Amino acid sequence: MSTESESEGNERGDDGQIPAETRERVKDRDGFRCQLCGEAGPETGGVAVLHVHHKSSDPDDCEYHDAGNLITLCWQCHSWFHNRPKSDEVPVALSADAEDELLPHDFELLHVLASSGPLSTSDVTKQLSTEHSTSAVRDRLCVLMGLDTVVDSQDEQVIDQDAQTDEWGLCEDISQSKRGRIPEDRTTLIQRVEDERVRRALARGQSRDDVADTFDMTPRTTWYKQRRAQAYAFPLDAFTQHGRPSASTEDTTETSDSECDSTASKTVEDGEPDETWPASTTETDENDRGGGEGVVDGEVSTSTGNDAFVSEDCDVEKSMKVRLQEAIAALQRVEEGF
């Protein structure tokens, strides 16, 4: 998505030369949401200031002000398109399409990890130049971690998370990746299954509102689950087709997804955006339903669950498998209901 040099009014949020009728039609087409970060405008219960942005300064297949050359963005994301850093300022290899998916804060996250990583989520948050909630930072770290699974032209994974320490860093600084791993903790395991189901439903073209309604969660939660699924690439087919892999072929250790941060100790109501980071809020939507990870002092965390899996008590193992199979069966029934 390229940018044009033409500036747009910040107060009004729109290019004055775009016909008012066209602006409103584009916003309505885009569901009155930023098409980059998902923040909603007042028309749908949000508070984001929405702009209408030109995709190209010289489109080949339509007129400059044609709706096909326009896209709805919140003012923060729109500002990013006009002030994004040059590619040589990024400490990792990013394709042009991958850069277009990122926010200005994402580039600062990359610089922090390149200079000081690996770091816990809380430590990354403390090193940022502007104030953000830990949950918002974690969400953007998931976006960066899953960037290569979303953008075809991004051949290499950008960042990773260590399965042993939960710390984030550039890929070469992480010894054991969390991507593709099967969590030991049963709560996290069920959550990973649900995350992947949500991602697949959206990938098949189901509307976000329909997916949210079917899975009994808010549309905002589907964003978190989709980003997390893209980051961790959970091997769902290993369960739905062949059952749990044997312990002899599995090297998994799942610890807390993040450390506790007392500054993010409570959840906000659905729809309240983070004032300085439109891509997320202080909301920990992982706990929107009973199948999510627990929240401790505002941070998502899980018990290691090692006792349940290391134990040779067959009854405990059998009970866990039965619960997991029941959860997967329920999710499959939900999926078939689309």
C-alpha atoms as a PDB file:
ATOM      1  CA  MET A   1       0.000   0.000   0.000  1.00  0.00           C
ATOM      2  CA  SER A   2       1.768   3.172  -1.127  1.00  0.00           C
ATOM      3  CA  THR A   3       1.332   6.679   0.239  1.00  0.00           C
ATOM      4  CA  GLU A   4       0.665  10.014  -1.377  1.00  0.00           C
ATOM      5  CA  SER A   5       2.280  13.290  -0.416  1.00  0.00           C
ATOM      6  CA  GLU A   6      -1.035  15.075  -0.116  1.00  0.00           C
ATOM      7  CA  SER A   7      -1.840  15.959   3.493  1.00  0.00           C
ATOM      8  CA  GLU A   8      -5.244  15.530   5.054  1.00  0.00           C
ATOM      9  CA  GLY A   9      -6.916  17.565   7.776  1.00  0.00           C
ATOM     10  CA  ASN A  10      -6.310  16.092  11.225  1.00  0.00           C
ATOM     11  CA  GLU A  11      -9.311  17.716  12.832  1.00  0.00           C
ATOM     12  CA  ARG A  12     -11.780  16.473  10.292  1.00  0.00           C
ATOM     13  CA  GLY A  13      -9.964  13.212   9.580  1.00  0.00           C
ATOM     14  CA  ASP A  14     -10.558  13.338   5.810  1.00  0.00           C
ATOM     15  CA  ASP A  15      -9.056  14.712   2.627  1.00  0.00           C
ATOM     16  CA  GLY A  16     -11.116  17.802   1.818  1.00  0.00           C
ATOM     17  CA  GLN A  17     -10.945  17.077  -1.913  1.00  0.00           C
ATOM     18  CA  ILE A  18     -12.618  13.685  -1.577  1.00  0.00           C
ATOM     19  CA  PRO A  19     -16.367  14.149  -2.085  1.00  0.00           C
ATOM     20  CA  ALA A  20     -18.181  13.846   1.226  1.00  0.00           C
ATOM     21  CA  GLU A  21     -20.512  11.209  -0.184  1.00  0.00           C
ATOM     22  CA  THR A  22     -17.538   9.104  -1.287  1.00  0.00           C
ATOM     23  CA  ARG A  23     -15.882   9.408   2.126  1.00  0.00           C
ATOM     24  CA  GLU A  24     -18.983   8.162   3.900  1.00  0.00           C
ATOM     25  CA  ARG A  25     -19.488   5.362   1.397  1.00  0.00           C
ATOM     26  CA  VAL A  26     -15.912   4.145   1.925  1.00  0.00           C
ATOM     27  CA  LYS A  27     -16.268   4.245   5.708  1.00  0.00           C
ATOM     28  CA  ASP A  28     -19.547   2.353   5.499  1.00  0.00           C
ATOM     29  CA  ARG A  29     -17.974  -0.210   3.163  1.00  0.00           C
ATOM     30  CA  ASP A  30     -15.146  -0.723   5.667  1.00  0.00           C
ATOM     31  CA  GLY A  31     -17.555  -1.115   8.567  1.00  0.00           C
ATOM     32  CA  PHE A  32     -16.499   2.194  10.144  1.00  0.00           C
ATOM     33  CA  ARG A  33     -13.291   0.506  11.298  1.00  0.00           C
ATOM     34  CA  CYS A  34      -9.612   1.144  10.666  1.00  0.00           C
ATOM     35  CA  GLN A  35      -8.566  -1.445   8.104  1.00  0.00           C
ATOM     36  CA  LEU A  36      -5.095  -1.703   9.605  1.00  0.00           C
ATOM     37  CA  CYS A  37      -5.597  -1.976  13.368  1.00  0.00           C
ATOM     38  CA  GLY A  38      -9.340  -2.671  13.619  1.00  0.00           C
ATOM     39  CA  GLU A  39     -10.284   0.265  15.845  1.00  0.00           C
ATOM     40  CA  ALA A  40     -13.950   1.250  15.508  1.00  0.00           C
ATOM     41  CA  GLY A  41     -15.362   4.726  14.918  1.00  0.00           C
ATOM     42  CA  PRO A  42     -18.278   6.300  16.814  1.00  0.00           C
ATOM     43  CA  GLU A  43     -20.748   4.906  14.274  1.00  0.00           C
ATOM     44  CA  THR A  44     -20.135   1.389  15.633  1.00  0.00           C
ATOM     45  CA  GLY A  45     -19.581   2.182  19.291  1.00  0.00           C
ATOM     46  CA  GLY A  46     -15.888   3.070  19.213  1.00  0.00           C
ATOM     47  CA  VAL A  47     -14.056   6.343  19.686  1.00  0.00           C
ATOM     48  CA  ALA A  48     -11.460   6.220  16.896  1.00  0.00           C
ATOM     49  CA  VAL A  49     -11.170   9.245  14.601  1.00  0.00           C
ATOM     50  CA  LEU A  50     -11.413   7.795  11.122  1.00  0.00           C
ATOM     51  CA  HIS A  51      -9.668   9.098   8.002  1.00  0.00           C
ATOM     52  CA  VAL A  52     -10.124   8.090   4.385  1.00  0.00           C
ATOM     53  CA  HIS A  53      -6.715   7.404   2.843  1.00  0.00           C
ATOM     54  CA  HIS A  54      -5.581   7.116  -0.772  1.00  0.00           C
ATOM     55  CA  LYS A  55      -3.926   3.767  -1.434  1.00  0.00           C
ATOM     56  CA  SER A  56      -1.957   5.136  -4.391  1.00  0.00           C
ATOM     57  CA  SER A  57      -1.021   8.573  -5.651  1.00  0.00           C
ATOM     58  CA  ASP A  58      -1.294   7.311  -9.245  1.00  0.00           C
ATOM     59  CA  PRO A  59      -3.657   4.319  -9.503  1.00  0.00           C
ATOM     60  CA  ASP A  60      -3.630   2.357 -12.726  1.00  0.00           C
ATOM     61  CA  ASP A  61      -7.166   0.974 -12.758  1.00  0.00           C
ATOM     62  CA  CYS A  62      -9.336   3.775 -11.380  1.00  0.00           C
ATOM     63  CA  GLU A  63      -9.580   7.499 -10.693  1.00  0.00           C
ATOM     64  CA  TYR A  64      -7.616   9.079  -7.844  1.00  0.00           C
ATOM     65  CA  HIS A  65     -10.713   9.698  -5.707  1.00  0.00           C
ATOM     66  CA  ASP A  66     -12.440   6.457  -6.722  1.00  0.00           C
ATOM     67  CA  ALA A  67     -13.604   4.294  -3.810  1.00  0.00           C
ATOM     68  CA  GLY A  68     -11.365   1.495  -5.073  1.00  0.00           C
ATOM     69  CA  ASN A  69      -8.348   3.687  -4.331  1.00  0.00           C
ATOM     70  CA  LEU A  70      -9.537   4.628  -0.861  1.00  0.00           C
ATOM     71  CA  ILE A  71      -9.330   2.897   2.498  1.00  0.00           C
ATOM     72  CA  THR A  72     -10.510   3.742   6.023  1.00  0.00           C
ATOM     73  CA  LEU A  73      -7.789   4.272   8.646  1.00  0.00           C
ATOM     74  CA  CYS A  74      -7.768   5.679  12.172  1.00  0.00           C
ATOM     75  CA  TRP A  75      -5.783   8.879  12.490  1.00  0.00           C
ATOM     76  CA  GLN A  76      -2.849   7.132  14.211  1.00  0.00           C
ATOM     77  CA  CYS A  77      -2.467   4.565  11.436  1.00  0.00           C
ATOM     78  CA  HIS A  78      -2.974   7.267   8.808  1.00  0.00           C
ATOM     79  CA  SER A  79      -0.228   9.321  10.421  1.00  0.00           C
ATOM     80  CA  TRP A  80       2.005   6.264  10.221  1.00  0.00           C
ATOM     81  CA  PHE A  81       1.562   6.039   6.460  1.00  0.00           C
ATOM     82  CA  HIS A  82       2.787   9.600   6.080  1.00  0.00           C
ATOM     83  CA  ASN A  83       5.630   9.342   8.591  1.00  0.00           C
ATOM     84  CA  ARG A  84       6.829   5.749   8.502  1.00  0.00           C
ATOM     85  CA  PRO A  85      10.560   5.096   8.822  1.00  0.00           C
ATOM     86  CA  LYS A  86      12.747   4.208   5.867  1.00  0.00           C
ATOM     87  CA  SER A  87      13.529   0.552   5.278  1.00  0.00           C
ATOM     88  CA  ASP A  88      17.206   1.067   6.114  1.00  0.00           C
ATOM     89  CA  GLU A  89      16.185   2.176   9.621  1.00  0.00           C
ATOM     90  CA  VAL A  90      14.684  -1.221  10.459  1.00  0.00           C
ATOM     91  CA  PRO A  91      16.989  -3.692  12.313  1.00  0.00           C
ATOM     92  CA  VAL A  92      15.507  -6.753  10.557  1.00  0.00           C
ATOM     93  CA  ALA A  93      14.785  -7.718   6.967  1.00  0.00           C
ATOM     94  CA  LEU A  94      11.245  -6.632   6.066  1.00  0.00           C
ATOM     95  CA  SER A  95       9.508  -6.751   2.730  1.00  0.00           C
ATOM     96  CA  ALA A  96       7.645  -3.643   1.558  1.00  0.00           C
ATOM     97  CA  ASP A  97       4.323  -5.409   2.131  1.00  0.00           C
ATOM     98  CA  ALA A  98       5.386  -6.369   5.654  1.00  0.00           C
ATOM     99  CA  GLU A  99       6.302  -2.771   6.449  1.00  0.00           C
ATOM    100  CA  ASP A 100       2.834  -1.702   5.356  1.00  0.00           C
ATOM    101  CA  GLU A 101       1.316  -3.992   8.013  1.00  0.00           C
ATOM    102  CA  LEU A 102       3.183  -2.340  10.886  1.00  0.00           C
ATOM    103  CA  LEU A 103       2.608   0.682  13.096  1.00  0.00           C
ATOM    104  CA  PRO A 104       5.292   3.180  14.159  1.00  0.00           C
ATOM    105  CA  HIS A 105       5.409   1.565  17.610  1.00  0.00           C
ATOM    106  CA  ASP A 106       6.233  -1.792  16.017  1.00  0.00           C
ATOM    107  CA  PHE A 107       9.470  -0.362  14.664  1.00  0.00           C
ATOM    108  CA  GLU A 108      10.416   0.876  18.109  1.00  0.00           C
ATOM    109  CA  LEU A 109       9.693  -2.604  19.458  1.00  0.00           C
ATOM    110  CA  LEU A 110      12.106  -4.046  16.896  1.00  0.00           C
ATOM    111  CA  HIS A 111      14.790  -1.552  17.873  1.00  0.00           C
ATOM    112  CA  VAL A 112      14.322  -2.358  21.578  1.00  0.00           C
ATOM    113  CA  LEU A 113      14.642  -6.106  20.966  1.00  0.00           C
ATOM    114  CA  ALA A 114      17.624  -5.637  18.672  1.00  0.00           C
ATOM    115  CA  SER A 115      19.512  -3.554  21.219  1.00  0.00           C
ATOM    116  CA  SER A 116      18.428  -5.139  24.520  1.00  0.00           C
ATOM    117  CA  GLY A 117      16.643  -8.434  23.881  1.00  0.00           C
ATOM    118  CA  PRO A 118      15.663 -11.033  24.752  1.00  0.00           C
ATOM    119  CA  LEU A 119      13.259  -9.325  27.158  1.00  0.00           C
ATOM    120  CA  SER A 120      10.070 -10.133  29.005  1.00  0.00           C
ATOM    121  CA  THR A 121       6.892  -8.387  27.917  1.00  0.00           C
ATOM    122  CA  SER A 122       7.046  -6.125  30.957  1.00  0.00           C
ATOM    123  CA  ASP A 123      10.672  -5.166  30.291  1.00  0.00           C
ATOM    124  CA  VAL A 124       9.899  -4.392  26.652  1.00  0.00           C
ATOM    125  CA  THR A 125       7.048  -2.153  27.784  1.00  0.00           C
ATOM    126  CA  LYS A 126       9.291  -0.235  30.179  1.00  0.00           C
ATOM    127  CA  GLN A 127      11.798   0.573  27.430  1.00  0.00           C
ATOM    128  CA  LEU A 128       9.304   2.173  25.049  1.00  0.00           C
ATOM    129  CA  SER A 129       9.418   5.948  24.671  1.00  0.00           C
ATOM    130  CA  THR A 130       5.643   6.282  25.053  1.00  0.00           C
ATOM    131  CA  GLU A 131       3.319   4.728  27.609  1.00  0.00           C
ATOM    132  CA  HIS A 132       1.415   1.595  26.630  1.00  0.00           C
ATOM    133  CA  SER A 133      -0.286  -1.186  28.515  1.00  0.00           C
ATOM    134  CA  THR A 134       1.549  -4.489  28.732  1.00  0.00           C
ATOM    135  CA  SER A 135      -1.356  -6.269  27.050  1.00  0.00           C
ATOM    136  CA  ALA A 136      -1.160  -3.833  24.110  1.00  0.00           C
ATOM    137  CA  VAL A 137       2.580  -4.439  23.776  1.00  0.00           C
ATOM    138  CA  ARG A 138       2.057  -8.204  23.907  1.00  0.00           C
ATOM    139  CA  ASP A 139      -0.527  -7.968  21.139  1.00  0.00           C
ATOM    140  CA  ARG A 140       1.868  -6.061  18.866  1.00  0.00           C
ATOM    141  CA  LEU A 141       4.660  -8.534  19.644  1.00  0.00           C
ATOM    142  CA  CYS A 142       2.316 -11.289  18.432  1.00  0.00           C
ATOM    143  CA  VAL A 143       1.721  -9.287  15.247  1.00  0.00           C
ATOM    144  CA  LEU A 144       5.479  -9.088  14.669  1.00  0.00           C
ATOM    145  CA  MET A 145       6.005 -12.759  15.502  1.00  0.00           C
ATOM    146  CA  GLY A 146       3.326 -13.873  13.041  1.00  0.00           C
ATOM    147  CA  LEU A 147       4.141 -11.395  10.287  1.00  0.00           C
ATOM    148  CA  ASP A 148       5.697 -14.009   7.995  1.00  0.00           C
ATOM    149  CA  THR A 149       2.554 -16.154   8.256  1.00  0.00           C
ATOM    150  CA  VAL A 150       0.379 -13.255   7.060  1.00  0.00           C
ATOM    151  CA  VAL A 151       2.500 -11.516   4.413  1.00  0.00           C
ATOM    152  CA  ASP A 152       3.480 -13.774   1.504  1.00  0.00           C
ATOM    153  CA  SER A 153       6.488 -11.672   0.563  1.00  0.00           C
ATOM    154  CA  GLN A 154       7.933 -11.818   4.101  1.00  0.00           C
ATOM    155  CA  ASP A 155      10.099 -14.917   3.813  1.00  0.00           C
ATOM    156  CA  GLU A 156      11.693 -14.825   7.262  1.00  0.00           C
ATOM    157  CA  GLN A 157      10.203 -14.751  10.740  1.00  0.00           C
ATOM    158  CA  VAL A 158      10.814 -11.339  12.325  1.00  0.00           C
ATOM    159  CA  ILE A 159      10.873 -12.034  16.079  1.00  0.00           C
ATOM    160  CA  ASP A 160      10.280 -15.049  18.308  1.00  0.00           C
ATOM    161  CA  GLN A 161       9.379 -15.962  21.882  1.00  0.00           C
ATOM    162  CA  ASP A 162      11.418 -18.349  23.985  1.00  0.00           C
ATOM    163  CA  ALA A 163       9.497 -21.421  25.151  1.00  0.00           C
ATOM    164  CA  GLN A 164      11.536 -21.692  28.342  1.00  0.00           C
ATOM    165  CA  THR A 165      11.739 -18.076  29.515  1.00  0.00           C
ATOM    166  CA  ASP A 166       8.805 -16.420  27.699  1.00  0.00           C
ATOM    167  CA  GLU A 167      11.199 -13.671  26.621  1.00  0.00           C
ATOM    168  CA  TRP A 168      10.887 -11.955  23.238  1.00  0.00           C
ATOM    169  CA  GLY A 169      13.795 -11.334  20.908  1.00  0.00           C
ATOM    170  CA  LEU A 170      15.116 -11.439  17.373  1.00  0.00           C
ATOM    171  CA  CYS A 171      15.032 -14.976  16.025  1.00  0.00           C
ATOM    172  CA  GLU A 172      18.778 -15.517  16.316  1.00  0.00           C
ATOM    173  CA  ASP A 173      18.594 -14.655  20.027  1.00  0.00           C
ATOM    174  CA  ILE A 174      15.912 -17.244  20.876  1.00  0.00           C
ATOM    175  CA  SER A 175      17.045 -20.799  21.620  1.00  0.00           C
ATOM    176  CA  GLN A 176      13.682 -22.606  21.803  1.00  0.00           C
ATOM    177  CA  SER A 177      10.821 -21.144  19.814  1.00  0.00           C
ATOM    178  CA  LYS A 178       7.235 -21.203  21.050  1.00  0.00           C
ATOM    179  CA  ARG A 179       5.943 -21.431  17.497  1.00  0.00           C
ATOM    180  CA  GLY A 180       4.392 -24.757  16.624  1.00  0.00           C
ATOM    181  CA  ARG A 181       4.717 -26.121  20.157  1.00  0.00           C
ATOM    182  CA  ILE A 182       2.038 -27.986  22.081  1.00  0.00           C
ATOM    183  CA  PRO A 183       1.509 -26.425  25.522  1.00  0.00           C
ATOM    184  CA  GLU A 184       1.776 -28.610  28.594  1.00  0.00           C
ATOM    185  CA  ASP A 185      -0.845 -26.563  30.426  1.00  0.00           C
ATOM    186  CA  ARG A 186      -4.300 -27.809  29.493  1.00  0.00           C
ATOM    187  CA  THR A 187      -5.920 -24.352  29.733  1.00  0.00           C
ATOM    188  CA  THR A 188      -3.404 -22.883  27.296  1.00  0.00           C
ATOM    189  CA  LEU A 189      -3.752 -25.945  25.098  1.00  0.00           C
ATOM    190  CA  ILE A 190      -7.522 -25.514  24.780  1.00  0.00           C
ATOM    191  CA  GLN A 191      -7.007 -21.811  24.148  1.00  0.00           C
ATOM    192  CA  ARG A 192      -4.553 -22.528  21.321  1.00  0.00           C
ATOM    193  CA  VAL A 193      -7.149 -24.817  19.742  1.00  0.00           C
ATOM    194  CA  GLU A 194      -9.782 -22.105  19.908  1.00  0.00           C
ATOM    195  CA  ASP A 195      -7.366 -19.463  18.599  1.00  0.00           C
ATOM    196  CA  GLU A 196      -6.625 -21.591  15.555  1.00  0.00           C
ATOM    197  CA  ARG A 197     -10.326 -22.292  14.964  1.00  0.00           C
ATOM    198  CA  VAL A 198     -11.028 -18.562  14.983  1.00  0.00           C
ATOM    199  CA  ARG A 199      -8.132 -17.896  12.611  1.00  0.00           C
ATOM    200  CA  ARG A 200      -9.292 -20.561  10.164  1.00  0.00           C
ATOM    201  CA  ALA A 201     -12.880 -19.302  10.219  1.00  0.00           C
ATOM    202  CA  LEU A 202     -11.695 -15.778   9.371  1.00  0.00           C
ATOM    203  CA  ALA A 203      -9.331 -17.125   6.706  1.00  0.00           C
ATOM    204  CA  ARG A 204     -12.285 -18.838   5.015  1.00  0.00           C
ATOM    205  CA  GLY A 205     -13.908 -15.444   4.581  1.00  0.00           C
ATOM    206  CA  GLN A 206     -16.373 -15.492   7.466  1.00  0.00           C
ATOM    207  CA  SER A 207     -17.152 -12.003   8.740  1.00  0.00           C
ATOM    208  CA  ARG A 208     -15.560 -11.012  12.022  1.00  0.00           C
ATOM    209  CA  ASP A 209     -18.959 -10.277  13.558  1.00  0.00           C
ATOM    210  CA  ASP A 210     -20.275 -13.723  12.572  1.00  0.00           C
ATOM    211  CA  VAL A 211     -17.196 -15.450  13.977  1.00  0.00           C
ATOM    212  CA  ALA A 212     -17.498 -13.471  17.213  1.00  0.00           C
ATOM    213  CA  ASP A 213     -21.182 -14.354  17.516  1.00  0.00           C
ATOM    214  CA  THR A 214     -20.629 -18.052  16.825  1.00  0.00           C
ATOM    215  CA  PHE A 215     -17.735 -18.390  19.263  1.00  0.00           C
ATOM    216  CA  ASP A 216     -19.554 -16.252  21.860  1.00  0.00           C
ATOM    217  CA  MET A 217     -16.955 -13.487  22.146  1.00  0.00           C
ATOM    218  CA  THR A 218     -16.563  -9.833  21.199  1.00  0.00           C
ATOM    219  CA  PRO A 219     -15.247  -8.856  17.738  1.00  0.00           C
ATOM    220  CA  ARG A 220     -12.258  -7.289  19.488  1.00  0.00           C
ATOM    221  CA  THR A 221     -11.386 -10.663  21.006  1.00  0.00           C
ATOM    222  CA  THR A 222     -11.282 -12.263  17.563  1.00  0.00           C
ATOM    223  CA  TRP A 223      -8.471  -9.858  16.639  1.00  0.00           C
ATOM    224  CA  TYR A 224      -6.411 -10.971  19.628  1.00  0.00           C
ATOM    225  CA  LYS A 225      -7.062 -14.636  18.925  1.00  0.00           C
ATOM    226  CA  GLN A 226      -6.278 -14.287  15.234  1.00  0.00           C
ATOM    227  CA  ARG A 227      -2.966 -12.524  15.917  1.00  0.00           C
ATOM    228  CA  ARG A 228      -2.003 -15.039  18.564  1.00  0.00           C
ATOM    229  CA  ALA A 229      -2.819 -17.952  16.251  1.00  0.00           C
ATOM    230  CA  GLN A 230      -0.708 -16.407  13.494  1.00  0.00           C
ATOM    231  CA  ALA A 231       2.199 -15.982  15.914  1.00  0.00           C
ATOM    232  CA  TYR A 232       2.185 -19.438  17.527  1.00  0.00           C
ATOM    233  CA  ALA A 233       1.066 -21.530  14.511  1.00  0.00           C
ATOM    234  CA  PHE A 234      -0.507 -24.209  16.701  1.00  0.00           C
ATOM    235  CA  PRO A 235      -0.516 -27.652  14.955  1.00  0.00           C
ATOM    236  CA  LEU A 236      -4.254 -28.245  15.267  1.00  0.00           C
ATOM    237  CA  ASP A 237      -4.292 -31.091  12.754  1.00  0.00           C
ATOM    238  CA  ALA A 238      -2.136 -33.167  15.095  1.00  0.00           C
ATOM    239  CA  PHE A 239      -5.144 -33.326  17.427  1.00  0.00           C
ATOM    240  CA  THR A 240      -8.075 -33.397  15.058  1.00  0.00           C
ATOM    241  CA  GLN A 241      -6.608 -36.195  12.921  1.00  0.00           C
ATOM    242  CA  HIS A 242      -4.129 -38.187  14.958  1.00  0.00           C
ATOM    243  CA  GLY A 243      -4.643 -37.345  18.619  1.00  0.00           C
ATOM    244  CA  ARG A 244      -1.956 -36.056  20.964  1.00  0.00           C
ATOM    245  CA  PRO A 245       1.590 -36.861  19.745  1.00  0.00           C
ATOM    246  CA  SER A 246       3.530 -39.285  21.901  1.00  0.00           C
ATOM    247  CA  ALA A 247       5.733 -37.851  24.611  1.00  0.00           C
ATOM    248  CA  SER A 248       8.832 -39.385  23.022  1.00  0.00           C
ATOM    249  CA  THR A 249       8.499 -37.218  19.917  1.00  0.00           C
ATOM    250  CA  GLU A 250       7.487 -34.064  21.694  1.00  0.00           C
ATOM    251  CA  ASP A 251       9.724 -31.444  23.297  1.00  0.00           C
ATOM    252  CA  THR A 252       7.383 -28.950  24.836  1.00  0.00           C
ATOM    253  CA  THR A 253       7.552 -26.610  27.768  1.00  0.00           C
ATOM    254  CA  GLU A 254       4.923 -23.934  28.166  1.00  0.00           C
ATOM    255  CA  THR A 255       5.343 -21.358  30.873  1.00  0.00           C
ATOM    256  CA  SER A 256       3.669 -18.057  31.537  1.00  0.00           C
ATOM    257  CA  ASP A 257       2.993 -16.103  28.341  1.00  0.00           C
ATOM    258  CA  SER A 258       4.211 -13.018  30.140  1.00  0.00           C
ATOM    259  CA  GLU A 259       5.346 -11.654  33.481  1.00  0.00           C
ATOM    260  CA  CYS A 260       3.093  -9.731  35.833  1.00  0.00           C
ATOM    261  CA  ASP A 261       2.741  -6.000  35.438  1.00  0.00           C
ATOM    262  CA  SER A 262       1.013  -4.126  38.210  1.00  0.00           C
ATOM    263  CA  THR A 263       0.320  -1.168  35.904  1.00  0.00           C
ATOM    264  CA  ALA A 264      -2.106  -3.226  33.836  1.00  0.00           C
ATOM    265  CA  SER A 265      -3.996  -4.752  36.712  1.00  0.00           C
ATOM    266  CA  LYS A 266      -7.532  -4.353  35.493  1.00  0.00           C
ATOM    267  CA  THR A 267      -9.605  -4.842  32.404  1.00  0.00           C
ATOM    268  CA  VAL A 268     -11.470  -2.108  30.596  1.00  0.00           C
ATOM    269  CA  GLU A 269     -14.845  -2.319  28.956  1.00  0.00           C
ATOM    270  CA  ASP A 270     -15.113  -3.630  25.390  1.00  0.00           C
ATOM    271  CA  GLY A 271     -14.623  -0.884  22.859  1.00  0.00           C
ATOM    272  CA  GLU A 272     -12.352   1.391  24.919  1.00  0.00           C
ATOM    273  CA  PRO A 273      -9.183   1.870  22.843  1.00  0.00           C
ATOM    274  CA  ASP A 274      -5.748   2.535  24.245  1.00  0.00           C
ATOM    275  CA  GLU A 275      -5.282   6.290  23.789  1.00  0.00           C
ATOM    276  CA  THR A 276      -1.748   5.999  22.462  1.00  0.00           C
ATOM    277  CA  TRP A 277      -1.906   2.654  20.725  1.00  0.00           C
ATOM    278  CA  PRO A 278      -4.977   2.031  18.580  1.00  0.00           C
ATOM    279  CA  ALA A 279      -4.027  -1.534  17.742  1.00  0.00           C
ATOM    280  CA  SER A 280      -4.873  -2.771  21.252  1.00  0.00           C
ATOM    281  CA  THR A 281      -6.230  -1.768  24.602  1.00  0.00           C
ATOM    282  CA  THR A 282      -5.511  -2.532  28.212  1.00  0.00           C
ATOM    283  CA  GLU A 283      -8.244  -5.073  27.826  1.00  0.00           C
ATOM    284  CA  THR A 284      -7.098  -8.655  28.354  1.00  0.00           C
ATOM    285  CA  ASP A 285      -9.605 -10.264  26.028  1.00  0.00           C
ATOM    286  CA  GLU A 286      -7.928 -13.619  26.458  1.00  0.00           C
ATOM    287  CA  ASN A 287     -10.193 -13.976  29.455  1.00  0.00           C
ATOM    288  CA  ASP A 288     -13.360 -13.010  27.558  1.00  0.00           C
ATOM    289  CA  ARG A 289     -14.499 -16.616  27.787  1.00  0.00           C
ATOM    290  CA  GLY A 290     -13.801 -19.383  30.231  1.00  0.00           C
ATOM    291  CA  GLY A 291     -11.345 -21.069  27.861  1.00  0.00           C
ATOM    292  CA  GLY A 292      -8.712 -18.327  28.017  1.00  0.00           C
ATOM    293  CA  GLU A 293      -5.503 -17.936  29.920  1.00  0.00           C
ATOM    294  CA  GLY A 294      -5.696 -16.562  33.444  1.00  0.00           C
ATOM    295  CA  VAL A 295      -4.989 -12.930  34.250  1.00  0.00           C
ATOM    296  CA  VAL A 296      -2.605 -12.122  37.083  1.00  0.00           C
ATOM    297  CA  ASP A 297      -2.092  -8.424  37.796  1.00  0.00           C
ATOM    298  CA  GLY A 298      -3.226  -7.642  34.257  1.00  0.00           C
ATOM    299  CA  GLU A 299      -0.863 -10.122  32.611  1.00  0.00           C
ATOM    300  CA  VAL A 300      -1.868 -13.278  30.841  1.00  0.00           C
ATOM    301  CA  SER A 301      -0.299 -16.225  32.581  1.00  0.00           C
ATOM    302  CA  THR A 302      -0.670 -19.953  32.810  1.00  0.00           C
ATOM    303  CA  SER A 303       0.447 -22.565  35.227  1.00  0.00           C
ATOM    304  CA  THR A 304       3.116 -24.797  33.805  1.00  0.00           C
ATOM    305  CA  GLY A 305       0.981 -27.870  34.268  1.00  0.00           C
ATOM    306  CA  ASN A 306       4.136 -29.974  34.418  1.00  0.00           C
ATOM    307  CA  ASP A 307       2.869 -32.065  37.334  1.00  0.00           C
ATOM    308  CA  ALA A 308      -0.147 -33.222  35.318  1.00  0.00           C
ATOM    309  CA  PHE A 309       1.915 -34.217  32.294  1.00  0.00           C
ATOM    310  CA  VAL A 310       5.093 -35.440  33.938  1.00  0.00           C
ATOM    311  CA  SER A 311       3.084 -37.599  36.312  1.00  0.00           C
ATOM    312  CA  GLU A 312       2.745 -41.191  35.240  1.00  0.00           C
ATOM    313  CA  ASP A 313      -0.732 -41.385  36.685  1.00  0.00           C
ATOM    314  CA  CYS A 314      -2.700 -42.818  33.770  1.00  0.00           C
ATOM    315  CA  ASP A 315      -6.030 -41.685  35.181  1.00  0.00           C
ATOM    316  CA  VAL A 316      -4.922 -38.043  35.176  1.00  0.00           C
ATOM    317  CA  GLU A 317      -3.597 -38.312  31.633  1.00  0.00           C
ATOM    318  CA  LYS A 318      -6.764 -40.038  30.448  1.00  0.00           C
ATOM    319  CA  SER A 319      -8.952 -37.399  32.088  1.00  0.00           C
ATOM    320  CA  MET A 320      -7.041 -34.609  30.365  1.00  0.00           C
ATOM    321  CA  LYS A 321      -7.329 -36.308  26.981  1.00  0.00           C
ATOM    322  CA  VAL A 322     -11.057 -36.783  27.420  1.00  0.00           C
ATOM    323  CA  ARG A 323     -11.504 -33.099  28.276  1.00  0.00           C
ATOM    324  CA  LEU A 324      -9.397 -32.060  25.307  1.00  0.00           C
ATOM    325  CA  GLN A 325     -11.306 -34.321  22.939  1.00  0.00           C
ATOM    326  CA  GLU A 326     -14.581 -32.913  24.243  1.00  0.00           C
ATOM    327  CA  ALA A 327     -13.330 -29.351  23.710  1.00  0.00           C
ATOM    328  CA  ILE A 328     -12.185 -30.100  20.169  1.00  0.00           C
ATOM    329  CA  ALA A 329     -15.475 -31.845  19.375  1.00  0.00           C
ATOM    330  CA  ALA A 330     -17.395 -28.825  20.639  1.00  0.00           C
ATOM    331  CA  LEU A 331     -15.309 -26.456  18.545  1.00  0.00           C
ATOM    332  CA  GLN A 332     -15.801 -28.658  15.499  1.00  0.00           C
ATOM    333  CA  ARG A 333     -19.564 -28.537  16.009  1.00  0.00           C
ATOM    334  CA  VAL A 334     -19.362 -24.765  16.227  1.00  0.00           C
ATOM    335  CA  GLU A 335     -17.281 -24.617  13.049  1.00  0.00           C
ATOM    336  CA  GLU A 336     -19.772 -26.799  11.176  1.00  0.00           C
ATOM    337  CA  GLY A 337     -22.495 -24.369  12.158  1.00  0.00           C
ATOM    338  CA  PHE A 338     -21.081 -21.600   9.915  1.00  0.00           C
END
